N, C-alpha and C. Protein backbone atom coordinates (compact mmCIF):
# COMPACT_ATOMS: atom_id res chain seq x y z
N MET A 1 0.86 -1.18 0.06
CA MET A 1 0.00 0.01 -0.02
C MET A 1 0.96 1.16 0.06
N GLU A 2 0.62 2.25 -0.72
CA GLU A 2 1.35 3.53 -0.84
C GLU A 2 0.46 4.63 -0.33
N ILE A 3 1.08 5.40 0.72
CA ILE A 3 0.58 6.41 1.36
C ILE A 3 1.06 7.78 1.14
N GLY A 4 0.56 8.76 0.68
CA GLY A 4 1.24 10.00 0.63
C GLY A 4 0.99 10.87 1.99
N LEU A 5 2.10 11.23 2.46
CA LEU A 5 2.26 11.93 3.78
C LEU A 5 2.77 13.43 3.58
N ILE A 6 1.75 14.35 3.74
CA ILE A 6 1.99 15.75 3.78
C ILE A 6 2.38 16.25 5.01
N GLY A 7 3.66 16.65 5.16
CA GLY A 7 4.01 17.14 6.44
C GLY A 7 4.99 16.04 7.15
N CYS A 8 6.20 16.57 7.35
CA CYS A 8 7.12 15.69 7.95
C CYS A 8 7.79 16.27 9.35
N GLY A 9 6.94 16.99 9.99
CA GLY A 9 7.31 17.51 11.36
C GLY A 9 7.10 16.54 12.30
N ALA A 10 7.07 16.91 13.54
CA ALA A 10 6.92 16.05 14.67
C ALA A 10 5.69 15.09 14.53
N TRP A 11 4.57 15.46 14.35
CA TRP A 11 3.47 14.48 14.08
C TRP A 11 3.67 13.68 12.82
N GLY A 12 4.17 14.35 11.74
CA GLY A 12 4.28 13.62 10.42
C GLY A 12 5.35 12.33 10.57
N ARG A 13 6.40 12.64 11.32
CA ARG A 13 7.33 11.54 11.69
C ARG A 13 6.82 10.55 12.52
N LYS A 14 5.88 10.76 13.50
CA LYS A 14 5.30 9.67 14.28
C LYS A 14 4.41 9.02 13.41
N ILE A 15 3.71 9.56 12.60
CA ILE A 15 2.73 8.95 11.65
C ILE A 15 3.56 7.98 10.75
N LEU A 16 4.75 8.46 10.17
CA LEU A 16 5.43 7.68 9.25
C LEU A 16 5.99 6.45 10.01
N CYS A 17 6.54 6.60 11.19
CA CYS A 17 6.93 5.40 11.97
C CYS A 17 5.77 4.27 12.03
N GLN A 18 4.64 4.74 12.36
CA GLN A 18 3.46 3.93 12.39
C GLN A 18 3.09 3.14 11.08
N LEU A 19 3.21 3.98 10.00
CA LEU A 19 2.79 3.41 8.62
C LEU A 19 3.94 2.39 8.26
N ARG A 20 5.23 2.77 8.49
CA ARG A 20 6.27 1.79 8.27
C ARG A 20 6.14 0.57 8.90
N GLU A 21 5.68 0.51 10.27
CA GLU A 21 5.47 -0.57 11.01
C GLU A 21 4.30 -1.42 10.30
N LEU A 22 3.60 -0.89 9.40
CA LEU A 22 2.40 -1.54 8.87
C LEU A 22 2.87 -2.00 7.37
N ASP A 23 4.12 -1.85 7.15
CA ASP A 23 4.82 -2.04 5.76
C ASP A 23 4.28 -1.23 4.67
N CYS A 24 3.85 -0.01 4.92
CA CYS A 24 3.31 0.86 3.87
C CYS A 24 4.41 1.40 3.21
N ARG A 25 4.44 1.68 1.96
CA ARG A 25 5.38 2.46 1.21
C ARG A 25 4.97 4.12 1.53
N VAL A 26 5.58 4.69 1.81
CA VAL A 26 5.36 6.24 2.26
C VAL A 26 6.09 7.31 1.39
N VAL A 27 5.31 7.98 0.63
CA VAL A 27 5.83 8.95 -0.13
C VAL A 27 5.58 10.51 0.66
N VAL A 28 6.62 11.13 0.78
CA VAL A 28 6.54 12.42 1.77
C VAL A 28 6.52 13.58 0.88
N PHE A 29 5.70 14.60 1.35
CA PHE A 29 5.88 15.93 0.73
C PHE A 29 6.02 16.81 1.91
N ASP A 30 7.15 17.84 1.69
CA ASP A 30 7.21 18.84 2.75
C ASP A 30 8.12 19.86 2.34
N PRO A 31 7.81 21.14 2.34
CA PRO A 31 8.81 22.27 1.94
C PRO A 31 10.04 22.28 2.59
N SER A 32 10.15 21.68 3.77
CA SER A 32 11.48 21.83 4.43
C SER A 32 12.24 20.58 4.09
N GLU A 33 13.48 20.98 3.36
CA GLU A 33 14.41 19.93 2.96
C GLU A 33 14.93 19.09 4.14
N SER A 34 15.11 19.58 5.26
CA SER A 34 15.65 18.97 6.48
C SER A 34 14.60 18.11 6.89
N ALA A 35 13.46 18.44 7.04
CA ALA A 35 12.22 17.59 7.56
C ALA A 35 12.14 16.34 6.58
N ARG A 36 12.22 16.66 5.10
CA ARG A 36 12.10 15.48 4.15
C ARG A 36 13.35 14.54 4.28
N ARG A 37 14.55 15.03 4.64
CA ARG A 37 15.73 14.16 4.68
C ARG A 37 15.59 13.42 5.80
N ALA A 38 15.08 13.89 7.01
CA ALA A 38 14.77 13.10 8.23
C ALA A 38 13.85 11.94 8.01
N ALA A 39 12.89 12.29 7.30
CA ALA A 39 11.66 11.32 6.94
C ALA A 39 12.29 10.21 5.96
N ILE A 40 13.06 10.63 5.03
CA ILE A 40 13.70 9.64 4.11
C ILE A 40 14.72 8.66 4.85
N GLN A 41 15.43 9.14 5.91
CA GLN A 41 16.29 8.34 6.68
C GLN A 41 15.47 7.41 7.53
N GLU A 42 14.10 7.56 7.76
CA GLU A 42 13.23 6.79 8.46
C GLU A 42 12.49 5.78 7.48
N GLY A 43 12.86 5.77 6.17
CA GLY A 43 12.29 4.91 5.42
C GLY A 43 11.26 5.45 4.37
N ALA A 44 11.09 6.82 4.37
CA ALA A 44 9.96 7.26 3.40
C ALA A 44 10.72 7.55 1.99
N ILE A 45 9.93 7.73 1.13
CA ILE A 45 10.34 8.07 -0.25
C ILE A 45 10.17 9.54 -0.48
N ASN A 46 11.10 10.16 -1.02
CA ASN A 46 11.02 11.56 -1.48
C ASN A 46 10.01 11.81 -2.53
N ALA A 47 9.01 12.57 -2.48
CA ALA A 47 8.14 12.96 -3.76
C ALA A 47 8.95 13.96 -4.61
N ARG A 48 8.93 13.72 -5.89
CA ARG A 48 9.69 14.54 -6.74
C ARG A 48 8.86 15.55 -7.43
N SER A 49 7.51 15.59 -7.12
CA SER A 49 6.64 16.56 -7.83
C SER A 49 5.62 17.09 -6.78
N GLN A 50 4.77 17.95 -7.32
CA GLN A 50 3.70 18.52 -6.42
C GLN A 50 2.76 17.42 -5.88
N VAL A 51 2.00 17.85 -4.89
CA VAL A 51 1.00 16.88 -4.37
C VAL A 51 -0.09 16.76 -5.31
N ALA A 52 -0.18 15.60 -5.96
CA ALA A 52 -1.25 15.39 -6.94
C ALA A 52 -1.29 14.02 -7.43
N GLY A 53 -0.35 13.23 -7.24
CA GLY A 53 -0.19 11.86 -7.72
C GLY A 53 -1.18 10.94 -7.14
N LYS A 54 -1.26 9.77 -7.69
CA LYS A 54 -2.29 8.87 -7.08
C LYS A 54 -1.56 7.99 -6.19
N THR A 55 -2.21 7.76 -5.01
CA THR A 55 -1.86 7.00 -3.93
C THR A 55 -2.95 6.12 -3.33
N ASP A 56 -2.77 5.27 -2.56
CA ASP A 56 -3.87 4.53 -1.83
C ASP A 56 -4.52 5.31 -0.90
N GLY A 57 -3.92 6.39 -0.40
CA GLY A 57 -4.51 7.32 0.61
C GLY A 57 -3.60 8.45 0.91
N TRP A 58 -4.13 9.42 1.60
CA TRP A 58 -3.35 10.54 1.92
C TRP A 58 -3.51 10.75 3.43
N ILE A 59 -2.40 11.36 4.01
CA ILE A 59 -2.38 11.91 5.34
C ILE A 59 -2.00 13.21 5.38
N ILE A 60 -2.69 14.26 5.92
CA ILE A 60 -2.24 15.67 6.02
C ILE A 60 -1.97 15.86 7.45
N ALA A 61 -0.51 15.99 7.60
CA ALA A 61 -0.01 16.35 8.85
C ALA A 61 0.90 17.59 8.93
N SER A 62 0.43 18.46 7.99
CA SER A 62 1.17 19.80 7.89
C SER A 62 0.56 20.76 8.85
N PRO A 63 1.14 21.96 9.06
CA PRO A 63 0.51 22.88 9.95
C PRO A 63 -1.01 23.14 9.60
N ALA A 64 -1.80 23.26 10.78
CA ALA A 64 -3.27 23.55 10.52
C ALA A 64 -3.67 24.56 9.57
N SER A 65 -2.81 25.57 9.44
CA SER A 65 -3.13 26.60 8.56
C SER A 65 -2.97 26.27 7.03
N THR A 66 -2.40 25.11 6.82
CA THR A 66 -2.31 24.61 5.37
C THR A 66 -3.31 23.54 4.98
N HIS A 67 -4.24 23.01 6.16
CA HIS A 67 -4.98 21.98 5.74
C HIS A 67 -5.95 22.24 4.66
N ALA A 68 -6.69 23.32 4.59
CA ALA A 68 -7.54 23.64 3.60
C ALA A 68 -6.94 23.63 2.07
N SER A 69 -5.83 24.22 2.12
CA SER A 69 -5.10 24.37 0.71
C SER A 69 -4.68 22.99 0.37
N MET A 70 -4.18 22.06 1.19
CA MET A 70 -3.91 20.71 0.82
C MET A 70 -5.12 19.93 0.40
N LEU A 71 -6.16 20.31 1.13
CA LEU A 71 -7.36 19.44 0.72
C LEU A 71 -7.86 19.90 -0.71
N ALA A 72 -7.72 21.11 -0.87
CA ALA A 72 -8.02 21.66 -2.38
C ALA A 72 -7.12 21.05 -3.32
N GLN A 73 -5.95 20.79 -3.07
CA GLN A 73 -5.05 20.17 -4.09
C GLN A 73 -5.39 18.67 -4.19
N LEU A 74 -5.97 18.12 -3.29
CA LEU A 74 -6.24 16.67 -3.35
C LEU A 74 -7.67 16.35 -3.74
N ALA A 75 -8.47 17.50 -3.84
CA ALA A 75 -9.82 17.37 -4.37
C ALA A 75 -9.94 16.49 -5.63
N GLY A 76 -10.88 15.53 -5.57
CA GLY A 76 -11.08 14.63 -6.88
C GLY A 76 -10.08 13.61 -6.98
N SER A 77 -9.13 13.41 -6.01
CA SER A 77 -8.05 12.36 -6.18
C SER A 77 -8.57 11.10 -6.11
N GLY A 78 -9.91 10.88 -5.47
CA GLY A 78 -10.41 9.56 -5.48
C GLY A 78 -9.86 8.75 -4.33
N SER A 79 -8.82 9.29 -3.60
CA SER A 79 -8.30 8.53 -2.62
C SER A 79 -8.72 9.07 -1.23
N PRO A 80 -8.86 8.07 -0.30
CA PRO A 80 -9.22 8.58 1.10
C PRO A 80 -8.17 9.49 1.69
N THR A 81 -8.55 10.66 2.39
CA THR A 81 -7.70 11.67 3.00
C THR A 81 -7.91 11.70 4.37
N PHE A 82 -6.87 11.57 5.17
CA PHE A 82 -6.91 11.77 6.58
C PHE A 82 -6.25 13.04 6.90
N VAL A 83 -7.00 13.92 7.77
CA VAL A 83 -6.41 15.11 8.14
C VAL A 83 -6.30 15.27 9.69
N GLU A 84 -4.99 15.64 10.08
CA GLU A 84 -4.76 15.82 11.54
C GLU A 84 -5.73 16.85 11.82
N LYS A 85 -6.10 16.71 13.24
CA LYS A 85 -6.88 17.80 13.79
C LYS A 85 -6.13 19.00 14.06
N PRO A 86 -6.62 20.27 14.00
CA PRO A 86 -8.02 20.60 13.44
C PRO A 86 -8.07 20.36 12.08
N PHE A 87 -9.35 20.03 11.67
CA PHE A 87 -9.60 19.75 10.24
C PHE A 87 -9.26 20.96 9.44
N THR A 88 -9.73 22.04 9.75
CA THR A 88 -9.44 23.37 9.14
C THR A 88 -9.37 24.52 10.17
N THR A 89 -8.89 25.64 9.85
CA THR A 89 -8.79 26.73 10.80
C THR A 89 -9.96 27.61 10.66
N ASP A 90 -10.89 27.41 9.63
CA ASP A 90 -11.97 28.37 9.30
C ASP A 90 -13.23 27.64 8.93
N LEU A 91 -14.43 28.22 9.44
CA LEU A 91 -15.63 27.56 9.13
C LEU A 91 -15.90 27.40 7.65
N ALA A 92 -15.70 28.35 6.77
CA ALA A 92 -15.87 28.15 5.52
C ALA A 92 -15.20 26.96 4.79
N SER A 93 -14.03 26.85 5.06
CA SER A 93 -13.28 25.66 4.63
C SER A 93 -13.76 24.46 5.10
N ALA A 94 -14.06 24.28 6.35
CA ALA A 94 -14.75 23.12 7.01
C ALA A 94 -16.05 22.75 6.36
N ARG A 95 -16.76 23.84 6.13
CA ARG A 95 -18.03 23.49 5.31
C ARG A 95 -17.82 22.89 4.02
N ARG A 96 -16.85 23.50 3.37
CA ARG A 96 -16.52 23.13 1.86
C ARG A 96 -16.24 21.70 1.79
N TYR A 97 -15.54 21.05 2.81
CA TYR A 97 -15.26 19.69 2.68
C TYR A 97 -15.85 18.75 3.61
N ALA A 98 -16.93 19.21 4.48
CA ALA A 98 -17.47 18.32 5.58
C ALA A 98 -18.26 17.28 4.93
N ASP A 99 -18.86 17.35 3.80
CA ASP A 99 -19.70 16.27 3.25
C ASP A 99 -18.83 15.40 2.30
N ASP A 100 -17.55 15.67 2.27
CA ASP A 100 -16.92 14.71 1.33
C ASP A 100 -16.65 13.28 2.04
N SER A 101 -17.12 12.29 1.48
CA SER A 101 -17.14 10.94 2.19
C SER A 101 -15.78 10.36 2.18
N GLN A 102 -14.76 10.99 1.45
CA GLN A 102 -13.31 10.35 1.40
C GLN A 102 -12.52 11.24 2.37
N ILE A 103 -13.03 12.17 3.19
CA ILE A 103 -12.06 12.85 4.07
C ILE A 103 -12.49 12.48 5.57
N PHE A 104 -11.36 12.29 6.36
CA PHE A 104 -11.54 11.96 7.63
C PHE A 104 -10.72 12.66 8.49
N VAL A 105 -11.13 12.98 9.76
CA VAL A 105 -10.29 13.72 10.74
C VAL A 105 -9.60 12.65 11.60
N MET A 106 -8.34 12.84 11.71
CA MET A 106 -7.46 11.91 12.68
C MET A 106 -7.49 12.38 14.05
N HIS A 107 -7.70 11.63 14.82
CA HIS A 107 -7.75 11.71 16.45
C HIS A 107 -7.17 10.58 17.01
N ILE A 108 -5.93 10.50 17.00
CA ILE A 108 -5.17 9.26 17.52
C ILE A 108 -5.45 8.78 18.91
N TRP A 109 -5.67 9.80 19.76
CA TRP A 109 -6.02 9.49 21.30
C TRP A 109 -7.36 8.77 21.32
N ARG A 110 -8.30 9.05 20.48
CA ARG A 110 -9.67 8.38 20.48
C ARG A 110 -9.62 6.85 20.67
N TYR A 111 -8.46 6.22 19.88
CA TYR A 111 -8.36 4.87 19.83
C TYR A 111 -7.31 4.22 20.80
N HIS A 112 -6.74 5.11 21.56
CA HIS A 112 -5.81 4.64 22.53
C HIS A 112 -6.43 3.73 23.69
N PRO A 113 -5.91 2.62 23.94
CA PRO A 113 -6.59 1.64 24.87
C PRO A 113 -6.93 2.33 26.32
N ALA A 114 -5.94 3.24 26.64
CA ALA A 114 -6.41 3.91 28.02
C ALA A 114 -7.53 4.88 27.78
N ILE A 115 -7.71 5.58 26.79
CA ILE A 115 -8.83 6.35 26.60
C ILE A 115 -10.03 5.53 26.48
N GLN A 116 -9.98 4.41 25.58
CA GLN A 116 -11.21 3.57 25.55
C GLN A 116 -11.55 3.03 26.82
N PHE A 117 -10.59 2.63 27.73
CA PHE A 117 -11.01 2.20 28.90
C PHE A 117 -11.76 3.22 29.81
N LEU A 118 -11.16 4.36 29.91
CA LEU A 118 -11.79 5.48 30.72
C LEU A 118 -13.20 5.77 30.08
N ALA A 119 -13.41 5.72 28.78
CA ALA A 119 -14.70 5.92 27.97
C ALA A 119 -15.68 4.81 28.58
N SER A 120 -15.14 3.60 28.80
CA SER A 120 -16.08 2.51 29.10
C SER A 120 -16.51 2.62 30.68
N LEU A 121 -15.49 3.26 31.41
CA LEU A 121 -15.99 3.64 32.87
C LEU A 121 -17.15 4.57 32.83
N VAL A 122 -16.89 5.78 32.02
CA VAL A 122 -17.94 6.63 31.85
C VAL A 122 -19.29 6.04 31.50
N ARG A 123 -19.25 5.30 30.45
CA ARG A 123 -20.50 4.79 29.95
C ARG A 123 -21.18 3.78 30.93
N ASP A 124 -20.39 3.06 31.70
CA ASP A 124 -20.90 2.27 32.84
C ASP A 124 -21.35 3.00 34.08
N GLY A 125 -21.15 4.38 34.06
CA GLY A 125 -21.42 5.13 35.24
C GLY A 125 -20.38 5.03 36.38
N ARG A 126 -19.15 4.60 36.09
CA ARG A 126 -18.17 4.40 37.12
C ARG A 126 -17.10 5.46 37.03
N THR A 127 -16.35 5.60 38.08
CA THR A 127 -15.30 6.56 38.05
C THR A 127 -14.03 5.71 38.22
N PRO A 128 -12.83 6.27 37.84
CA PRO A 128 -11.59 5.64 37.97
C PRO A 128 -11.28 5.15 39.42
N LEU A 129 -11.97 5.97 40.35
CA LEU A 129 -11.60 5.72 41.70
C LEU A 129 -12.64 4.61 42.41
N ASP A 130 -13.57 4.15 41.76
CA ASP A 130 -14.47 3.27 42.23
C ASP A 130 -13.78 1.96 42.61
């Protein structure tokens, strides 16, 4: 599986490690040469062109202020796109993409076992101190 990863900063590198553990081929896009170089050292492939190529999916882990413009570049790609939270930084952009069934907001903590355990306590009407 090939995943396009937009953004190789702190979160992007964490996501890269998780994707590599799943044996994904990860193509990285980042304007920072040093960030790209660090990602390549961790097993990513440097994209040689603009964000537009066909992949099995996209992950946007760039600064929040760039999310809407990255979504615009990926519009119509036909590939699922996961966007780190926040989805966008303005309501108009959020509304523009809200109904797109191929766009998902990432919230990694939601699926963390500790968070799921705490959620089950709340659902059951218990507290961690019970």
